[in-house]
C-alpha atoms as a PDB file:
ATOM      1  CA  MET A   1     -18.120   0.568 -86.039  1.00  0.00           C
ATOM      2  CA  HIS A   2     -14.926   0.710 -83.670  1.00  0.00           C
ATOM      3  CA  HIS A   3     -15.323   4.236 -82.968  1.00  0.00           C
ATOM      4  CA  GLY A   4     -18.941   4.540 -82.430  1.00  0.00           C
ATOM      5  CA  LYS A   5     -19.269   2.266 -79.468  1.00  0.00           C
ATOM      6  CA  TRP A   6     -16.582   4.327 -78.091  1.00  0.00           C
ATOM      7  CA  LEU A   7     -18.747   7.454 -78.813  1.00  0.00           C
ATOM      8  CA  THR A   8     -21.852   6.046 -76.871  1.00  0.00           C
ATOM      9  CA  ALA A   9     -20.014   4.470 -74.563  1.00  0.00           C
ATOM     10  CA  ALA A  10     -18.695   8.227 -73.593  1.00  0.00           C
ATOM     11  CA  GLY A  11     -21.875   9.690 -73.938  1.00  0.00           C
ATOM     12  CA  VAL A  12     -23.556   7.099 -71.372  1.00  0.00           C
ATOM     13  CA  VAL A  13     -21.284   8.838 -68.613  1.00  0.00           C
ATOM     14  CA  ALA A  14     -21.817  11.869 -69.894  1.00  0.00           C
ATOM     15  CA  LEU A  15     -25.683  11.435 -69.579  1.00  0.00           C
ATOM     16  CA  ILE A  16     -25.248   9.532 -66.020  1.00  0.00           C
ATOM     17  CA  VAL A  17     -23.327  12.568 -64.490  1.00  0.00           C
ATOM     18  CA  VAL A  18     -25.526  14.834 -65.587  1.00  0.00           C
ATOM     19  CA  ALA A  19     -28.896  13.144 -64.472  1.00  0.00           C
ATOM     20  CA  GLU A  20     -27.270  13.346 -60.948  1.00  0.00           C
ATOM     21  CA  ARG A  21     -26.493  16.329 -61.357  1.00  0.00           C
ATOM     22  CA  GLU A  22     -30.415  17.021 -61.809  1.00  0.00           C
ATOM     23  CA  HIS A  23     -30.694  14.277 -58.951  1.00  0.00           C
ATOM     24  CA  SER A  24     -28.936  16.922 -56.548  1.00  0.00           C
ATOM     25  CA  ASN A  25     -30.891  19.815 -57.727  1.00  0.00           C
ATOM     26  CA  SER A  26     -33.615  17.968 -56.348  1.00  0.00           C
ATOM     27  CA  ARG A  27     -32.518  17.336 -53.082  1.00  0.00           C
ATOM     28  CA  ARG A  28     -31.119  20.230 -52.317  1.00  0.00           C
ATOM     29  CA  GLU A  29     -34.924  21.526 -53.240  1.00  0.00           C
ATOM     30  CA  TRP A  30     -36.361  18.542 -51.511  1.00  0.00           C
ATOM     31  CA  ASN A  31     -34.230  18.761 -47.913  1.00  0.00           C
ATOM     32  CA  ALA A  32     -35.377  22.602 -47.892  1.00  0.00           C
ATOM     33  CA  LEU A  33     -38.923  21.742 -48.067  1.00  0.00           C
ATOM     34  CA  LEU A  34     -38.082  19.556 -45.187  1.00  0.00           C
ATOM     35  CA  ASP A  35     -36.795  22.327 -43.057  1.00  0.00           C
ATOM     36  CA  ILE A  36     -40.209  24.243 -43.947  1.00  0.00           C
ATOM     37  CA  CYS A  37     -41.750  21.854 -42.609  1.00  0.00           C
ATOM     38  CA  ARG A  38     -40.496  20.790 -39.850  1.00  0.00           C
ATOM     39  CA  SER A  39     -39.826  24.594 -38.532  1.00  0.00           C
ATOM     40  CA  THR A  40     -43.984  25.097 -37.606  1.00  0.00           C
ATOM     41  CA  GLN A  41     -46.747  22.420 -36.869  1.00  0.00           C
ATOM     42  CA  ASP A  42     -48.753  23.501 -40.089  1.00  0.00           C
ATOM     43  CA  ALA A  43     -46.244  24.592 -42.021  1.00  0.00           C
ATOM     44  CA  CYS A  44     -46.693  21.842 -44.511  1.00  0.00           C
ATOM     45  CA  ALA A  45     -50.657  21.870 -44.486  1.00  0.00           C
ATOM     46  CA  LEU A  46     -52.412  20.860 -47.452  1.00  0.00           C
ATOM     47  CA  GLY A  47     -55.469  22.676 -49.178  1.00  0.00           C
ATOM     48  CA  ALA A  48     -58.457  21.342 -50.593  1.00  0.00           C
ATOM     49  CA  ASP A  49     -56.678  20.355 -54.031  1.00  0.00           C
ATOM     50  CA  GLY A  50     -53.929  18.611 -52.426  1.00  0.00           C
ATOM     51  CA  ARG A  51     -51.090  22.071 -52.837  1.00  0.00           C
ATOM     52  CA  TYR A  52     -49.031  23.013 -50.038  1.00  0.00           C
ATOM     53  CA  VAL A  53     -51.152  25.810 -48.645  1.00  0.00           C
ATOM     54  CA  ARG A  54     -47.437  27.891 -48.459  1.00  0.00           C
ATOM     55  CA  GLY A  55     -46.406  28.949 -51.598  1.00  0.00           C
ATOM     56  CA  ASP A  56     -43.194  29.031 -50.960  1.00  0.00           C
ATOM     57  CA  ALA A  57     -43.699  24.725 -49.942  1.00  0.00           C
ATOM     58  CA  GLU A  58     -45.505  24.425 -52.815  1.00  0.00           C
ATOM     59  CA  GLN A  59     -43.215  25.914 -55.219  1.00  0.00           C
ATOM     60  CA  LEU A  60     -39.697  23.822 -53.459  1.00  0.00           C
ATOM     61  CA  TYR A  61     -42.318  20.523 -54.202  1.00  0.00           C
ATOM     62  CA  GLN A  62     -43.017  21.665 -57.487  1.00  0.00           C
ATOM     63  CA  ARG A  63     -38.805  22.706 -58.294  1.00  0.00           C
ATOM     64  CA  SER A  64     -37.668  19.077 -56.788  1.00  0.00           C
ATOM     65  CA  ARG A  65     -40.523  17.727 -58.831  1.00  0.00           C
ATOM     66  CA  ALA A  66     -38.957  19.201 -62.109  1.00  0.00           C
ATOM     67  CA  PHE A  67     -35.629  17.826 -61.337  1.00  0.00           C
ATOM     68  CA  ASP A  68     -36.745  14.880 -60.855  1.00  0.00           C
ATOM     69  CA  ARG A  69     -38.473  14.354 -63.593  1.00  0.00           C
ATOM     70  CA  ARG A  70     -35.395  15.923 -66.320  1.00  0.00           C
ATOM     71  CA  ALA A  71     -33.376  13.672 -63.858  1.00  0.00           C
ATOM     72  CA  ASN A  72     -35.680  10.382 -64.756  1.00  0.00           C
ATOM     73  CA  ARG A  73     -35.319  12.158 -68.741  1.00  0.00           C
ATOM     74  CA  TRP A  74     -30.981  12.090 -68.600  1.00  0.00           C
ATOM     75  CA  LEU A  75     -31.292   8.395 -67.201  1.00  0.00           C
ATOM     76  CA  LEU A  76     -33.479   6.858 -69.715  1.00  0.00           C
ATOM     77  CA  GLY A  77     -31.684   8.239 -72.529  1.00  0.00           C
ATOM     78  CA  ALA A  78     -28.598   6.792 -70.512  1.00  0.00           C
ATOM     79  CA  GLN A  79     -29.888   3.116 -70.950  1.00  0.00           C
ATOM     80  CA  ALA A  80     -30.960   3.782 -74.443  1.00  0.00           C
ATOM     81  CA  SER A  81     -27.202   5.084 -74.993  1.00  0.00           C
ATOM     82  CA  LEU A  82     -25.857   1.802 -73.493  1.00  0.00           C
ATOM     83  CA  LEU A  83     -28.077  -0.591 -75.437  1.00  0.00           C
ATOM     84  CA  ALA A  84     -26.512   1.437 -78.438  1.00  0.00           C
ATOM     85  CA  THR A  85     -23.019   0.819 -76.695  1.00  0.00           C
ATOM     86  CA  THR A  86     -23.942  -3.040 -76.347  1.00  0.00           C
ATOM     87  CA  ALA A  87     -25.231  -3.469 -80.067  1.00  0.00           C
ATOM     88  CA  LEU A  88     -22.371  -1.368 -80.912  1.00  0.00           C
ATOM     89  CA  PHE A  89     -19.411  -4.117 -79.504  1.00  0.00           C
ATOM     90  CA  ILE A  90     -21.317  -6.782 -80.328  1.00  0.00           C
ATOM     91  CA  ILE A  91     -21.580  -5.721 -84.334  1.00  0.00           C
ATOM     92  CA  ASP A  92     -17.958  -5.210 -83.587  1.00  0.00           C
ATOM     93  CA  LEU A  93     -17.139  -8.877 -83.273  1.00  0.00           C
ATOM     94  CA  HIS A  94     -15.016 -10.997 -85.356  1.00  0.00           C
ATOM     95  CA  PRO A  95     -16.873 -14.113 -85.256  1.00  0.00           C
ATOM     96  CA  GLY A  96     -14.904 -17.293 -85.558  1.00  0.00           C
ATOM     97  CA  GLN A  97     -11.316 -15.625 -84.571  1.00  0.00           C
ATOM     98  CA  GLY A  98      -9.717 -15.503 -81.547  1.00  0.00           C
ATOM     99  CA  PRO A  99      -8.222 -12.310 -80.387  1.00  0.00           C
ATOM    100  CA  ASP A 100      -4.135 -12.235 -81.374  1.00  0.00           C
ATOM    101  CA  ASN A 101      -2.720 -12.357 -78.210  1.00  0.00           C
ATOM    102  CA  ILE A 102      -3.292 -15.058 -77.055  1.00  0.00           C
ATOM    103  CA  PRO A 103      -0.224 -17.928 -78.277  1.00  0.00           C
ATOM    104  CA  TYR A 104      -1.696 -20.808 -76.891  1.00  0.00           C
ATOM    105  CA  PRO A 105      -4.510 -23.442 -77.968  1.00  0.00           C
ATOM    106  CA  PRO A 106      -7.974 -23.476 -76.067  1.00  0.00           C
ATOM    107  CA  VAL A 107      -7.771 -26.357 -73.139  1.00  0.00           C
ATOM    108  CA  LYS A 108     -10.802 -28.777 -72.650  1.00  0.00           C
ATOM    109  CA  VAL A 109     -11.410 -29.649 -69.182  1.00  0.00           C
ATOM    110  CA  GLY A 110     -13.542 -32.205 -68.264  1.00  0.00           C
ATOM    111  CA  MET A 111     -14.930 -33.616 -64.916  1.00  0.00           C
ATOM    112  CA  ARG A 112     -16.370 -37.143 -64.441  1.00  0.00           C
ATOM    113  CA  ILE A 113     -18.549 -37.878 -61.085  1.00  0.00           C
ATOM    114  CA  ALA A 114     -19.254 -41.601 -60.603  1.00  0.00           C
ATOM    115  CA  PHE A 115     -22.109 -43.149 -58.445  1.00  0.00           C
END
């Protein structure tokens, strides 16, 4: 348990890094699509089936969506790993025992307010 929680925490970080890379790829493809759309007035016209008439525009759109879907999957994995990490941290707690490095007993602090 003690070392497993750190392994899953490192997994969270790794999964987020990979998701960020996939999202960056998606943004790159999307920006290329926007460049095409801004090039001429009808460059991003849609056909009757809802797809771009230009093949290159449709390809950029589909690739952008694919990168985004992959980024979402990596983020879901990161969230699952974060839940596992949290569970391992909770399981690793020692109930009823305080940390060894605090030399003073806990102090109770209170306040009364008179009306």
